């Protein structure tokens, strides 16, 4: 991920007094490992204890979502759903998994299938290719693709049930689950009376109201993946996330591939390339960034234009020349 909050958190609680027109406000930050990456939560609270309690509640919520949506934990609700495929009867799911699947359905439709959470069998195969340094064998790729396709999923909104129609199906939350967890943490912080907060899940960043006395949260995103210089965004009640191959990639036969799998080909998106998406919430930003990475700088922007409040910046290499394009609504420097 390529987004970072300026002046972000450190290990342990870090209270800092901030004087506002309404009186003193305490800025409290903590970083903990979660979902395989460092998470930082920063809040502005009336006192240190209130900030600590809110942050504890936020991390507890993120841990709860991880237990539900992890595809590494065989006991998670998501894993148990996948393991039931083909489901003999529709499976009733909880509110969180239902919310994720409904939003996934919407982004799948908007993106023309570029975002497809049933990609799990192909993701597993591509992880093996990244470790071995060899493209998947055609027969194994064909077998995995037989179990992939959103048309194989049936959502019943009246009963809140899910049916998976083919053996071997596996739902992959990688392009949407982290963003949903960030949004849930912000909701819990708000319920704790925290109006101004930032949640940074190692690049999936969601923020609520602006910090006291400021125009918004300052978030730096890389101008070019891996470069030192960057662009600073000022965000309020919004989210930003980046998908690309800056940190997770493999080179096979002289070509660079991302960890993001294209559901059309079954292999990683070609690189170097990256897409940074701003949206009203982190669930949407996360899913759109994945879809836009698959679609690329020509087919991706029209999809972003269909989502109110969304904007994106695409980066790719044209031979040896770096190229960048932004969609309407991207903040001016």
C-alpha atoms as a PDB file:
ATOM      1  CA  UNK A   1       0.000   0.000   0.000  1.00  0.00           C
ATOM      2  CA  UNK A   2       1.225   3.518  -0.743  1.00  0.00           C
ATOM      3  CA  UNK A   3      -0.768   5.741   1.571  1.00  0.00           C
ATOM      4  CA  UNK A   4       0.599   6.999   4.872  1.00  0.00           C
ATOM      5  CA  UNK A   5      -0.776   9.444   7.389  1.00  0.00           C
ATOM      6  CA  UNK A   6       1.669  12.246   8.012  1.00  0.00           C
ATOM      7  CA  UNK A   7       2.876  12.175  11.572  1.00  0.00           C
ATOM      8  CA  UNK A   8       1.280   8.759  12.071  1.00  0.00           C
ATOM      9  CA  UNK A   9       1.296   6.563  15.138  1.00  0.00           C
ATOM     10  CA  UNK A  10       3.997   4.686  16.970  1.00  0.00           C
ATOM     11  CA  UNK A  11       3.996   1.580  19.119  1.00  0.00           C
ATOM     12  CA  UNK A  12       2.048   2.152  22.325  1.00  0.00           C
ATOM     13  CA  UNK A  13      -0.305   4.950  23.258  1.00  0.00           C
ATOM     14  CA  UNK A  14       0.968   8.404  22.340  1.00  0.00           C
ATOM     15  CA  UNK A  15      -1.158  11.162  23.932  1.00  0.00           C
ATOM     16  CA  UNK A  16      -0.627  14.733  22.789  1.00  0.00           C
ATOM     17  CA  UNK A  17      -2.531  17.788  24.018  1.00  0.00           C
ATOM     18  CA  UNK A  18      -4.102  20.026  21.362  1.00  0.00           C
ATOM     19  CA  UNK A  19      -5.704  23.350  22.322  1.00  0.00           C
ATOM     20  CA  UNK A  20      -8.846  24.300  20.414  1.00  0.00           C
ATOM     21  CA  UNK A  21     -11.436  27.066  20.720  1.00  0.00           C
ATOM     22  CA  UNK A  22     -13.633  24.602  22.592  1.00  0.00           C
ATOM     23  CA  UNK A  23     -10.902  23.763  25.087  1.00  0.00           C
ATOM     24  CA  UNK A  24      -8.154  21.125  25.278  1.00  0.00           C
ATOM     25  CA  UNK A  25      -8.370  17.996  23.163  1.00  0.00           C
ATOM     26  CA  UNK A  26      -6.058  15.024  23.517  1.00  0.00           C
ATOM     27  CA  UNK A  27      -4.619  13.315  20.444  1.00  0.00           C
ATOM     28  CA  UNK A  28      -4.020   9.621  21.160  1.00  0.00           C
ATOM     29  CA  UNK A  29      -2.401   7.159  18.755  1.00  0.00           C
ATOM     30  CA  UNK A  30      -1.597   3.464  18.946  1.00  0.00           C
ATOM     31  CA  UNK A  31      -0.213   0.915  16.492  1.00  0.00           C
ATOM     32  CA  UNK A  32      -0.772  -2.844  16.726  1.00  0.00           C
ATOM     33  CA  UNK A  33      -0.207  -5.791  14.366  1.00  0.00           C
ATOM     34  CA  UNK A  34      -3.460  -7.019  12.849  1.00  0.00           C
ATOM     35  CA  UNK A  35      -4.422  -8.972   9.719  1.00  0.00           C
ATOM     36  CA  UNK A  36      -0.738  -9.476   8.990  1.00  0.00           C
ATOM     37  CA  UNK A  37       0.082  -5.751   8.843  1.00  0.00           C
ATOM     38  CA  UNK A  38       0.507  -2.836  11.285  1.00  0.00           C
ATOM     39  CA  UNK A  39      -2.695  -0.934  12.057  1.00  0.00           C
ATOM     40  CA  UNK A  40      -2.657   2.586  13.523  1.00  0.00           C
ATOM     41  CA  UNK A  41      -5.645   4.277  15.140  1.00  0.00           C
ATOM     42  CA  UNK A  42      -5.516   7.984  15.987  1.00  0.00           C
ATOM     43  CA  UNK A  43      -8.301   9.781  17.827  1.00  0.00           C
ATOM     44  CA  UNK A  44      -8.979  13.215  19.293  1.00  0.00           C
ATOM     45  CA  UNK A  45     -10.670  12.807  22.667  1.00  0.00           C
ATOM     46  CA  UNK A  46     -11.597  14.864  25.712  1.00  0.00           C
ATOM     47  CA  UNK A  47      -8.967  13.082  27.803  1.00  0.00           C
ATOM     48  CA  UNK A  48      -6.364  10.344  27.515  1.00  0.00           C
ATOM     49  CA  UNK A  49      -8.477   7.647  29.171  1.00  0.00           C
ATOM     50  CA  UNK A  50     -11.384   8.268  26.793  1.00  0.00           C
ATOM     51  CA  UNK A  51      -8.989   8.080  23.854  1.00  0.00           C
ATOM     52  CA  UNK A  52      -7.430   4.840  25.072  1.00  0.00           C
ATOM     53  CA  UNK A  53     -10.790   3.220  25.689  1.00  0.00           C
ATOM     54  CA  UNK A  54     -12.024   4.200  22.233  1.00  0.00           C
ATOM     55  CA  UNK A  55      -8.879   2.851  20.589  1.00  0.00           C
ATOM     56  CA  UNK A  56      -9.164  -0.422  22.506  1.00  0.00           C
ATOM     57  CA  UNK A  57     -12.750  -0.735  21.280  1.00  0.00           C
ATOM     58  CA  UNK A  58     -11.620   0.007  17.731  1.00  0.00           C
ATOM     59  CA  UNK A  59      -8.966  -2.691  17.735  1.00  0.00           C
ATOM     60  CA  UNK A  60     -11.423  -5.145  19.298  1.00  0.00           C
ATOM     61  CA  UNK A  61     -13.810  -4.475  16.419  1.00  0.00           C
ATOM     62  CA  UNK A  62     -11.080  -5.026  13.818  1.00  0.00           C
ATOM     63  CA  UNK A  63     -10.168  -8.316  15.490  1.00  0.00           C
ATOM     64  CA  UNK A  64     -13.833  -9.346  15.436  1.00  0.00           C
ATOM     65  CA  UNK A  65     -14.079  -8.646  11.709  1.00  0.00           C
ATOM     66  CA  UNK A  66     -10.877 -10.591  11.080  1.00  0.00           C
ATOM     67  CA  UNK A  67     -12.342 -13.625  12.862  1.00  0.00           C
ATOM     68  CA  UNK A  68     -15.369 -13.421  10.564  1.00  0.00           C
ATOM     69  CA  UNK A  69     -13.721 -12.688   7.214  1.00  0.00           C
ATOM     70  CA  UNK A  70     -10.305 -14.355   7.314  1.00  0.00           C
ATOM     71  CA  UNK A  71      -9.760 -16.842   4.506  1.00  0.00           C
ATOM     72  CA  UNK A  72      -6.720 -18.196   6.372  1.00  0.00           C
ATOM     73  CA  UNK A  73      -8.758 -19.250   9.404  1.00  0.00           C
ATOM     74  CA  UNK A  74     -10.769 -22.395   8.569  1.00  0.00           C
ATOM     75  CA  UNK A  75     -13.175 -21.577  11.400  1.00  0.00           C
ATOM     76  CA  UNK A  76     -14.086 -18.087  10.176  1.00  0.00           C
ATOM     77  CA  UNK A  77     -17.620 -17.546   8.912  1.00  0.00           C
ATOM     78  CA  UNK A  78     -16.291 -16.853   5.434  1.00  0.00           C
ATOM     79  CA  UNK A  79     -14.163 -20.023   5.351  1.00  0.00           C
ATOM     80  CA  UNK A  80     -17.043 -22.160   6.560  1.00  0.00           C
ATOM     81  CA  UNK A  81     -19.237 -20.755   3.803  1.00  0.00           C
ATOM     82  CA  UNK A  82     -16.616 -21.558   1.173  1.00  0.00           C
ATOM     83  CA  UNK A  83     -16.063 -25.043   2.596  1.00  0.00           C
ATOM     84  CA  UNK A  84     -19.771 -25.790   2.160  1.00  0.00           C
ATOM     85  CA  UNK A  85     -19.622 -25.344  -1.633  1.00  0.00           C
ATOM     86  CA  UNK A  86     -21.661 -26.527  -3.366  1.00  0.00           C
ATOM     87  CA  UNK A  87     -24.152 -25.574  -0.686  1.00  0.00           C
ATOM     88  CA  UNK A  88     -26.995 -28.123  -0.570  1.00  0.00           C
ATOM     89  CA  UNK A  89     -29.183 -25.374   0.849  1.00  0.00           C
ATOM     90  CA  UNK A  90     -28.736 -21.584   0.991  1.00  0.00           C
ATOM     91  CA  UNK A  91     -26.660 -20.563   4.022  1.00  0.00           C
ATOM     92  CA  UNK A  92     -27.816 -17.741   6.266  1.00  0.00           C
ATOM     93  CA  UNK A  93     -24.930 -15.392   7.078  1.00  0.00           C
ATOM     94  CA  UNK A  94     -24.355 -12.696   9.681  1.00  0.00           C
ATOM     95  CA  UNK A  95     -24.783  -8.980   9.144  1.00  0.00           C
ATOM     96  CA  UNK A  96     -21.107  -8.233   8.464  1.00  0.00           C
ATOM     97  CA  UNK A  97     -20.520 -10.955   5.893  1.00  0.00           C
ATOM     98  CA  UNK A  98     -23.824 -10.068   4.261  1.00  0.00           C
ATOM     99  CA  UNK A  99     -22.819  -6.388   4.014  1.00  0.00           C
ATOM    100  CA  UNK A 100     -19.498  -7.307   2.425  1.00  0.00           C
ATOM    101  CA  UNK A 101     -21.103  -9.639  -0.126  1.00  0.00           C
ATOM    102  CA  UNK A 102     -23.786  -7.109  -1.070  1.00  0.00           C
ATOM    103  CA  UNK A 103     -21.197  -4.381  -1.674  1.00  0.00           C
ATOM    104  CA  UNK A 104     -19.043  -6.876  -3.557  1.00  0.00           C
ATOM    105  CA  UNK A 105     -22.035  -7.663  -5.764  1.00  0.00           C
ATOM    106  CA  UNK A 106     -22.476  -3.959  -6.518  1.00  0.00           C
ATOM    107  CA  UNK A 107     -18.807  -3.365  -7.373  1.00  0.00           C
ATOM    108  CA  UNK A 108     -18.753  -6.530  -9.471  1.00  0.00           C
ATOM    109  CA  UNK A 109     -21.608  -5.150 -11.534  1.00  0.00           C
ATOM    110  CA  UNK A 110     -20.124  -1.661 -11.822  1.00  0.00           C
ATOM    111  CA  UNK A 111     -16.760  -3.036 -12.930  1.00  0.00           C
ATOM    112  CA  UNK A 112     -18.107  -5.518 -15.444  1.00  0.00           C
ATOM    113  CA  UNK A 113     -16.653  -8.391 -13.444  1.00  0.00           C
ATOM    114  CA  UNK A 114     -13.156  -6.947 -12.927  1.00  0.00           C
ATOM    115  CA  UNK A 115     -13.838  -7.221  -9.205  1.00  0.00           C
ATOM    116  CA  UNK A 116     -14.809 -10.808  -8.419  1.00  0.00           C
ATOM    117  CA  UNK A 117     -14.597 -12.175  -4.855  1.00  0.00           C
ATOM    118  CA  UNK A 118     -15.046 -15.764  -6.084  1.00  0.00           C
ATOM    119  CA  UNK A 119     -11.477 -15.569  -7.364  1.00  0.00           C
ATOM    120  CA  UNK A 120     -10.207 -17.597  -4.405  1.00  0.00           C
ATOM    121  CA  UNK A 121      -9.178 -20.731  -6.377  1.00  0.00           C
ATOM    122  CA  UNK A 122      -7.165 -18.561  -8.784  1.00  0.00           C
ATOM    123  CA  UNK A 123      -5.624 -16.603  -5.898  1.00  0.00           C
ATOM    124  CA  UNK A 124      -4.416 -19.854  -4.332  1.00  0.00           C
ATOM    125  CA  UNK A 125      -2.896 -20.960  -7.627  1.00  0.00           C
ATOM    126  CA  UNK A 126      -1.217 -17.587  -8.168  1.00  0.00           C
ATOM    127  CA  UNK A 127       0.304 -17.643  -4.680  1.00  0.00           C
ATOM    128  CA  UNK A 128       1.944 -20.924  -5.638  1.00  0.00           C
ATOM    129  CA  UNK A 129       3.283 -19.322  -8.827  1.00  0.00           C
ATOM    130  CA  UNK A 130       4.702 -16.406  -6.864  1.00  0.00           C
ATOM    131  CA  UNK A 131       6.574 -18.857  -4.636  1.00  0.00           C
ATOM    132  CA  UNK A 132       7.810 -21.084  -7.464  1.00  0.00           C
ATOM    133  CA  UNK A 133       8.551 -18.394 -10.038  1.00  0.00           C
ATOM    134  CA  UNK A 134       6.605 -20.276 -12.728  1.00  0.00           C
ATOM    135  CA  UNK A 135       3.274 -19.502 -14.382  1.00  0.00           C
ATOM    136  CA  UNK A 136       0.413 -21.895 -13.533  1.00  0.00           C
ATOM    137  CA  UNK A 137       0.130 -25.001 -15.675  1.00  0.00           C
ATOM    138  CA  UNK A 138      -2.700 -24.566 -18.203  1.00  0.00           C
ATOM    139  CA  UNK A 139      -4.590 -27.603 -16.916  1.00  0.00           C
ATOM    140  CA  UNK A 140      -4.484 -26.391 -13.298  1.00  0.00           C
ATOM    141  CA  UNK A 141      -5.498 -22.898 -14.405  1.00  0.00           C
ATOM    142  CA  UNK A 142      -8.461 -24.283 -16.340  1.00  0.00           C
ATOM    143  CA  UNK A 143      -9.549 -26.391 -13.360  1.00  0.00           C
ATOM    144  CA  UNK A 144      -9.390 -23.405 -10.989  1.00  0.00           C
ATOM    145  CA  UNK A 145     -11.375 -21.223 -13.380  1.00  0.00           C
ATOM    146  CA  UNK A 146     -14.197 -23.766 -13.348  1.00  0.00           C
ATOM    147  CA  UNK A 147     -14.862 -22.753  -9.719  1.00  0.00           C
ATOM    148  CA  UNK A 148     -14.720 -18.985 -10.340  1.00  0.00           C
ATOM    149  CA  UNK A 149     -17.523 -16.637 -11.339  1.00  0.00           C
ATOM    150  CA  UNK A 150     -19.900 -14.363  -9.505  1.00  0.00           C
ATOM    151  CA  UNK A 151     -22.773 -15.865 -11.492  1.00  0.00           C
ATOM    152  CA  UNK A 152     -22.231 -18.981  -9.374  1.00  0.00           C
ATOM    153  CA  UNK A 153     -23.272 -17.057  -6.234  1.00  0.00           C
ATOM    154  CA  UNK A 154     -26.902 -16.492  -5.265  1.00  0.00           C
ATOM    155  CA  UNK A 155     -27.763 -13.824  -2.701  1.00  0.00           C
ATOM    156  CA  UNK A 156     -31.280 -13.813  -1.237  1.00  0.00           C
ATOM    157  CA  UNK A 157     -31.893 -10.382   0.348  1.00  0.00           C
ATOM    158  CA  UNK A 158     -35.159 -11.442   1.956  1.00  0.00           C
ATOM    159  CA  UNK A 159     -33.605 -14.307   3.882  1.00  0.00           C
ATOM    160  CA  UNK A 160     -30.019 -12.991   3.875  1.00  0.00           C
ATOM    161  CA  UNK A 161     -28.781 -16.303   2.561  1.00  0.00           C
ATOM    162  CA  UNK A 162     -25.952 -17.221   0.223  1.00  0.00           C
ATOM    163  CA  UNK A 163     -25.744 -20.188  -2.126  1.00  0.00           C
ATOM    164  CA  UNK A 164     -22.553 -21.353  -3.863  1.00  0.00           C
ATOM    165  CA  UNK A 165     -23.404 -23.592  -6.801  1.00  0.00           C
ATOM    166  CA  UNK A 166     -20.117 -25.263  -7.753  1.00  0.00           C
ATOM    167  CA  UNK A 167     -17.615 -27.510  -5.941  1.00  0.00           C
ATOM    168  CA  UNK A 168     -14.283 -25.929  -5.015  1.00  0.00           C
ATOM    169  CA  UNK A 169     -15.573 -22.370  -4.830  1.00  0.00           C
ATOM    170  CA  UNK A 170     -13.784 -20.091  -2.382  1.00  0.00           C
ATOM    171  CA  UNK A 171     -14.617 -16.475  -1.573  1.00  0.00           C
ATOM    172  CA  UNK A 172     -11.536 -14.247  -1.398  1.00  0.00           C
ATOM    173  CA  UNK A 173     -12.072 -11.108   0.755  1.00  0.00           C
ATOM    174  CA  UNK A 174      -8.665  -9.655  -0.157  1.00  0.00           C
ATOM    175  CA  UNK A 175      -9.984  -6.776  -2.245  1.00  0.00           C
ATOM    176  CA  UNK A 176     -12.690  -5.592   0.137  1.00  0.00           C
ATOM    177  CA  UNK A 177     -12.368  -7.071   3.646  1.00  0.00           C
ATOM    178  CA  UNK A 178      -9.650  -4.739   4.927  1.00  0.00           C
ATOM    179  CA  UNK A 179     -11.609  -1.686   3.802  1.00  0.00           C
ATOM    180  CA  UNK A 180     -14.750  -2.977   5.477  1.00  0.00           C
ATOM    181  CA  UNK A 181     -12.840  -3.515   8.723  1.00  0.00           C
ATOM    182  CA  UNK A 182     -11.556   0.084   8.606  1.00  0.00           C
ATOM    183  CA  UNK A 183     -15.108   1.371   8.163  1.00  0.00           C
ATOM    184  CA  UNK A 184     -16.363  -0.721  11.061  1.00  0.00           C
ATOM    185  CA  UNK A 185     -13.618   0.626  13.330  1.00  0.00           C
ATOM    186  CA  UNK A 186     -14.555   4.209  12.434  1.00  0.00           C
ATOM    187  CA  UNK A 187     -18.191   3.410  13.233  1.00  0.00           C
ATOM    188  CA  UNK A 188     -17.270   2.012  16.652  1.00  0.00           C
ATOM    189  CA  UNK A 189     -15.107   5.062  17.397  1.00  0.00           C
ATOM    190  CA  UNK A 190     -18.031   7.310  16.505  1.00  0.00           C
ATOM    191  CA  UNK A 191     -20.286   5.350  18.840  1.00  0.00           C
ATOM    192  CA  UNK A 192     -17.708   6.036  21.549  1.00  0.00           C
ATOM    193  CA  UNK A 193     -18.102   9.778  21.015  1.00  0.00           C
ATOM    194  CA  UNK A 194     -14.989  10.207  18.858  1.00  0.00           C
ATOM    195  CA  UNK A 195     -15.833  12.696  16.115  1.00  0.00           C
ATOM    196  CA  UNK A 196     -12.332  12.987  14.649  1.00  0.00           C
ATOM    197  CA  UNK A 197     -10.409   9.779  13.962  1.00  0.00           C
ATOM    198  CA  UNK A 198      -8.089   8.121  11.488  1.00  0.00           C
ATOM    199  CA  UNK A 199      -7.629   4.395  10.893  1.00  0.00           C
ATOM    200  CA  UNK A 200      -4.602   3.365   8.841  1.00  0.00           C
ATOM    201  CA  UNK A 201      -4.442  -0.336   7.978  1.00  0.00           C
ATOM    202  CA  UNK A 202      -1.012  -0.063   6.350  1.00  0.00           C
ATOM    203  CA  UNK A 203      -2.322   1.974   3.455  1.00  0.00           C
ATOM    204  CA  UNK A 204      -6.072   1.391   3.595  1.00  0.00           C
ATOM    205  CA  UNK A 205      -6.857   4.701   5.293  1.00  0.00           C
ATOM    206  CA  UNK A 206     -10.232   5.924   6.541  1.00  0.00           C
ATOM    207  CA  UNK A 207     -10.878   9.204   8.341  1.00  0.00           C
ATOM    208  CA  UNK A 208     -13.822  10.931   9.969  1.00  0.00           C
ATOM    209  CA  UNK A 209     -14.102  14.647  10.830  1.00  0.00           C
ATOM    210  CA  UNK A 210     -11.075  16.931  10.563  1.00  0.00           C
ATOM    211  CA  UNK A 211      -8.700  17.192  13.537  1.00  0.00           C
ATOM    212  CA  UNK A 212      -9.343  20.295  15.670  1.00  0.00           C
ATOM    213  CA  UNK A 213      -8.164  23.484  14.018  1.00  0.00           C
ATOM    214  CA  UNK A 214      -7.360  21.885  10.669  1.00  0.00           C
ATOM    215  CA  UNK A 215      -8.943  21.534   7.248  1.00  0.00           C
ATOM    216  CA  UNK A 216      -8.666  17.750   7.340  1.00  0.00           C
ATOM    217  CA  UNK A 217      -6.407  14.753   7.765  1.00  0.00           C
ATOM    218  CA  UNK A 218      -3.185  15.011   5.748  1.00  0.00           C
ATOM    219  CA  UNK A 219      -2.425  11.752   3.957  1.00  0.00           C
ATOM    220  CA  UNK A 220       0.600  11.305   1.721  1.00  0.00           C
ATOM    221  CA  UNK A 221       0.411   9.010  -1.279  1.00  0.00           C
ATOM    222  CA  UNK A 222       3.374   8.139  -3.466  1.00  0.00           C
ATOM    223  CA  UNK A 223       3.566  10.093  -6.706  1.00  0.00           C
ATOM    224  CA  UNK A 224       5.376   7.133  -8.269  1.00  0.00           C
ATOM    225  CA  UNK A 225       5.470   3.729  -6.512  1.00  0.00           C
ATOM    226  CA  UNK A 226       8.729   3.397  -4.606  1.00  0.00           C
ATOM    227  CA  UNK A 227       9.690   7.057  -4.999  1.00  0.00           C
ATOM    228  CA  UNK A 228      10.576   9.260  -2.028  1.00  0.00           C
ATOM    229  CA  UNK A 229       8.489  12.205  -3.112  1.00  0.00           C
ATOM    230  CA  UNK A 230       4.733  12.061  -2.751  1.00  0.00           C
ATOM    231  CA  UNK A 231       1.462  13.936  -2.960  1.00  0.00           C
ATOM    232  CA  UNK A 232      -0.410  15.104   0.129  1.00  0.00           C
ATOM    233  CA  UNK A 233      -4.180  14.710   0.224  1.00  0.00           C
ATOM    234  CA  UNK A 234      -6.407  16.506   2.742  1.00  0.00           C
ATOM    235  CA  UNK A 235      -9.361  14.261   3.576  1.00  0.00           C
ATOM    236  CA  UNK A 236     -12.508  14.579   5.695  1.00  0.00           C
ATOM    237  CA  UNK A 237     -15.050  11.756   6.098  1.00  0.00           C
ATOM    238  CA  UNK A 238     -13.384   9.826   3.305  1.00  0.00           C
ATOM    239  CA  UNK A 239     -11.001   6.997   2.531  1.00  0.00           C
ATOM    240  CA  UNK A 240      -8.016   6.359   0.293  1.00  0.00           C
ATOM    241  CA  UNK A 241      -6.287   3.144  -0.710  1.00  0.00           C
ATOM    242  CA  UNK A 242      -3.718   2.021  -3.260  1.00  0.00           C
ATOM    243  CA  UNK A 243      -3.503  -1.246  -5.174  1.00  0.00           C
ATOM    244  CA  UNK A 244      -0.450  -2.185  -7.161  1.00  0.00           C
ATOM    245  CA  UNK A 245       2.797  -4.116  -7.317  1.00  0.00           C
ATOM    246  CA  UNK A 246       5.120  -1.759  -5.438  1.00  0.00           C
ATOM    247  CA  UNK A 247       5.501  -4.170  -2.518  1.00  0.00           C
ATOM    248  CA  UNK A 248       4.067  -7.495  -3.647  1.00  0.00           C
ATOM    249  CA  UNK A 249       5.167  -8.709  -7.067  1.00  0.00           C
ATOM    250  CA  UNK A 250       6.955 -11.486  -8.878  1.00  0.00           C
ATOM    251  CA  UNK A 251       9.040 -11.548 -12.054  1.00  0.00           C
ATOM    252  CA  UNK A 252       8.481 -14.545 -14.282  1.00  0.00           C
ATOM    253  CA  UNK A 253      10.259 -14.964 -17.636  1.00  0.00           C
ATOM    254  CA  UNK A 254      11.326 -11.311 -17.522  1.00  0.00           C
ATOM    255  CA  UNK A 255       7.861  -9.927 -16.884  1.00  0.00           C
ATOM    256  CA  UNK A 256       6.641  -8.318 -13.659  1.00  0.00           C
ATOM    257  CA  UNK A 257       3.295  -9.382 -12.176  1.00  0.00           C
ATOM    258  CA  UNK A 258       1.263  -8.055  -9.259  1.00  0.00           C
ATOM    259  CA  UNK A 259      -0.235 -10.139  -6.454  1.00  0.00           C
ATOM    260  CA  UNK A 260      -3.629  -8.881  -7.706  1.00  0.00           C
ATOM    261  CA  UNK A 261      -5.178 -11.556  -9.897  1.00  0.00           C
ATOM    262  CA  UNK A 262      -7.071 -10.674 -13.057  1.00  0.00           C
ATOM    263  CA  UNK A 263     -10.200 -12.879 -13.011  1.00  0.00           C
ATOM    264  CA  UNK A 264     -10.233 -12.890 -16.809  1.00  0.00           C
ATOM    265  CA  UNK A 265      -6.767 -14.432 -17.207  1.00  0.00           C
ATOM    266  CA  UNK A 266      -6.287 -16.091 -13.832  1.00  0.00           C
ATOM    267  CA  UNK A 267      -2.796 -14.615 -13.393  1.00  0.00           C
ATOM    268  CA  UNK A 268      -1.436 -11.464 -11.781  1.00  0.00           C
ATOM    269  CA  UNK A 269      -1.955  -8.019 -13.289  1.00  0.00           C
ATOM    270  CA  UNK A 270       1.071  -6.899 -15.296  1.00  0.00           C
ATOM    271  CA  UNK A 271       3.255  -4.153 -13.894  1.00  0.00           C
ATOM    272  CA  UNK A 272       4.801  -1.921 -12.800  1.00  0.00           C
ATOM    273  CA  UNK A 273       1.467  -0.216 -12.145  1.00  0.00           C
ATOM    274  CA  UNK A 274      -0.583   1.236  -9.302  1.00  0.00           C
ATOM    275  CA  UNK A 275      -3.981   2.806  -8.715  1.00  0.00           C
ATOM    276  CA  UNK A 276      -4.849   5.097  -5.807  1.00  0.00           C
ATOM    277  CA  UNK A 277      -8.573   5.570  -5.132  1.00  0.00           C
ATOM    278  CA  UNK A 278     -10.384   8.118  -2.976  1.00  0.00           C
ATOM    279  CA  UNK A 279     -13.973   7.295  -2.009  1.00  0.00           C
ATOM    280  CA  UNK A 280     -16.566   8.111   0.618  1.00  0.00           C
ATOM    281  CA  UNK A 281     -15.796   4.924   2.560  1.00  0.00           C
ATOM    282  CA  UNK A 282     -12.935   2.457   2.745  1.00  0.00           C
ATOM    283  CA  UNK A 283     -14.978  -0.561   1.653  1.00  0.00           C
ATOM    284  CA  UNK A 284     -15.669   1.162  -1.657  1.00  0.00           C
ATOM    285  CA  UNK A 285     -12.140   2.536  -2.035  1.00  0.00           C
ATOM    286  CA  UNK A 286     -10.626  -0.904  -1.429  1.00  0.00           C
ATOM    287  CA  UNK A 287     -12.860  -2.705  -3.934  1.00  0.00           C
ATOM    288  CA  UNK A 288     -12.605   0.017  -6.583  1.00  0.00           C
ATOM    289  CA  UNK A 289      -8.800   0.060  -6.337  1.00  0.00           C
ATOM    290  CA  UNK A 290      -8.732  -3.680  -6.996  1.00  0.00           C
ATOM    291  CA  UNK A 291     -11.123  -3.384  -9.936  1.00  0.00           C
ATOM    292  CA  UNK A 292      -9.263  -0.406 -11.388  1.00  0.00           C
ATOM    293  CA  UNK A 293      -5.948  -2.276 -11.150  1.00  0.00           C
ATOM    294  CA  UNK A 294      -7.433  -5.072 -13.259  1.00  0.00           C
ATOM    295  CA  UNK A 295      -9.051  -2.702 -15.769  1.00  0.00           C
ATOM    296  CA  UNK A 296      -6.064  -0.381 -16.203  1.00  0.00           C
ATOM    297  CA  UNK A 297      -5.856   3.305 -17.180  1.00  0.00           C
ATOM    298  CA  UNK A 298      -8.125   3.074 -20.231  1.00  0.00           C
ATOM    299  CA  UNK A 299     -11.066   0.986 -19.009  1.00  0.00           C
ATOM    300  CA  UNK A 300     -10.750   1.917 -15.332  1.00  0.00           C
ATOM    301  CA  UNK A 301     -11.647   5.645 -15.292  1.00  0.00           C
ATOM    302  CA  UNK A 302     -15.196   5.199 -16.708  1.00  0.00           C
ATOM    303  CA  UNK A 303     -15.958   2.835 -13.808  1.00  0.00           C
ATOM    304  CA  UNK A 304     -14.785   5.417 -11.272  1.00  0.00           C
ATOM    305  CA  UNK A 305     -17.018   8.048 -12.871  1.00  0.00           C
ATOM    306  CA  UNK A 306     -20.056   5.912 -12.043  1.00  0.00           C
ATOM    307  CA  UNK A 307     -19.392   6.086  -8.284  1.00  0.00           C
ATOM    308  CA  UNK A 308     -20.374   9.322  -6.563  1.00  0.00           C
ATOM    309  CA  UNK A 309     -17.466  10.937  -4.720  1.00  0.00           C
ATOM    310  CA  UNK A 310     -14.847   8.556  -6.117  1.00  0.00           C
ATOM    311  CA  UNK A 311     -11.672   9.610  -7.891  1.00  0.00           C
ATOM    312  CA  UNK A 312      -8.474   7.823  -8.866  1.00  0.00           C
ATOM    313  CA  UNK A 313      -4.921   8.285 -10.033  1.00  0.00           C
ATOM    314  CA  UNK A 314      -3.453   5.631 -12.350  1.00  0.00           C
ATOM    315  CA  UNK A 315       0.277   5.025 -12.720  1.00  0.00           C
ATOM    316  CA  UNK A 316       1.893   2.678 -15.240  1.00  0.00           C
ATOM    317  CA  UNK A 317       5.034   2.264 -17.308  1.00  0.00           C
ATOM    318  CA  UNK A 318       4.904   2.917 -21.042  1.00  0.00           C
ATOM    319  CA  UNK A 319       8.114   1.151 -21.983  1.00  0.00           C
ATOM    320  CA  UNK A 320      10.671   3.037 -19.912  1.00  0.00           C
ATOM    321  CA  UNK A 321       8.458   6.098 -19.492  1.00  0.00           C
ATOM    322  CA  UNK A 322       6.282   6.510 -16.372  1.00  0.00           C
ATOM    323  CA  UNK A 323       2.726   7.632 -17.132  1.00  0.00           C
ATOM    324  CA  UNK A 324       0.055   9.056 -14.840  1.00  0.00           C
ATOM    325  CA  UNK A 325      -3.595   9.940 -15.404  1.00  0.00           C
ATOM    326  CA  UNK A 326      -6.209  11.148 -12.919  1.00  0.00           C
ATOM    327  CA  UNK A 327      -9.974  11.028 -13.106  1.00  0.00           C
ATOM    328  CA  UNK A 328     -12.226  14.071 -12.613  1.00  0.00           C
ATOM    329  CA  UNK A 329     -12.490  14.919  -8.943  1.00  0.00           C
ATOM    330  CA  UNK A 330      -8.896  14.041  -8.072  1.00  0.00           C
ATOM    331  CA  UNK A 331      -7.592  16.816  -5.748  1.00  0.00           C
ATOM    332  CA  UNK A 332      -5.467  19.444  -7.427  1.00  0.00           C
ATOM    333  CA  UNK A 333      -1.918  19.734  -6.004  1.00  0.00           C
END
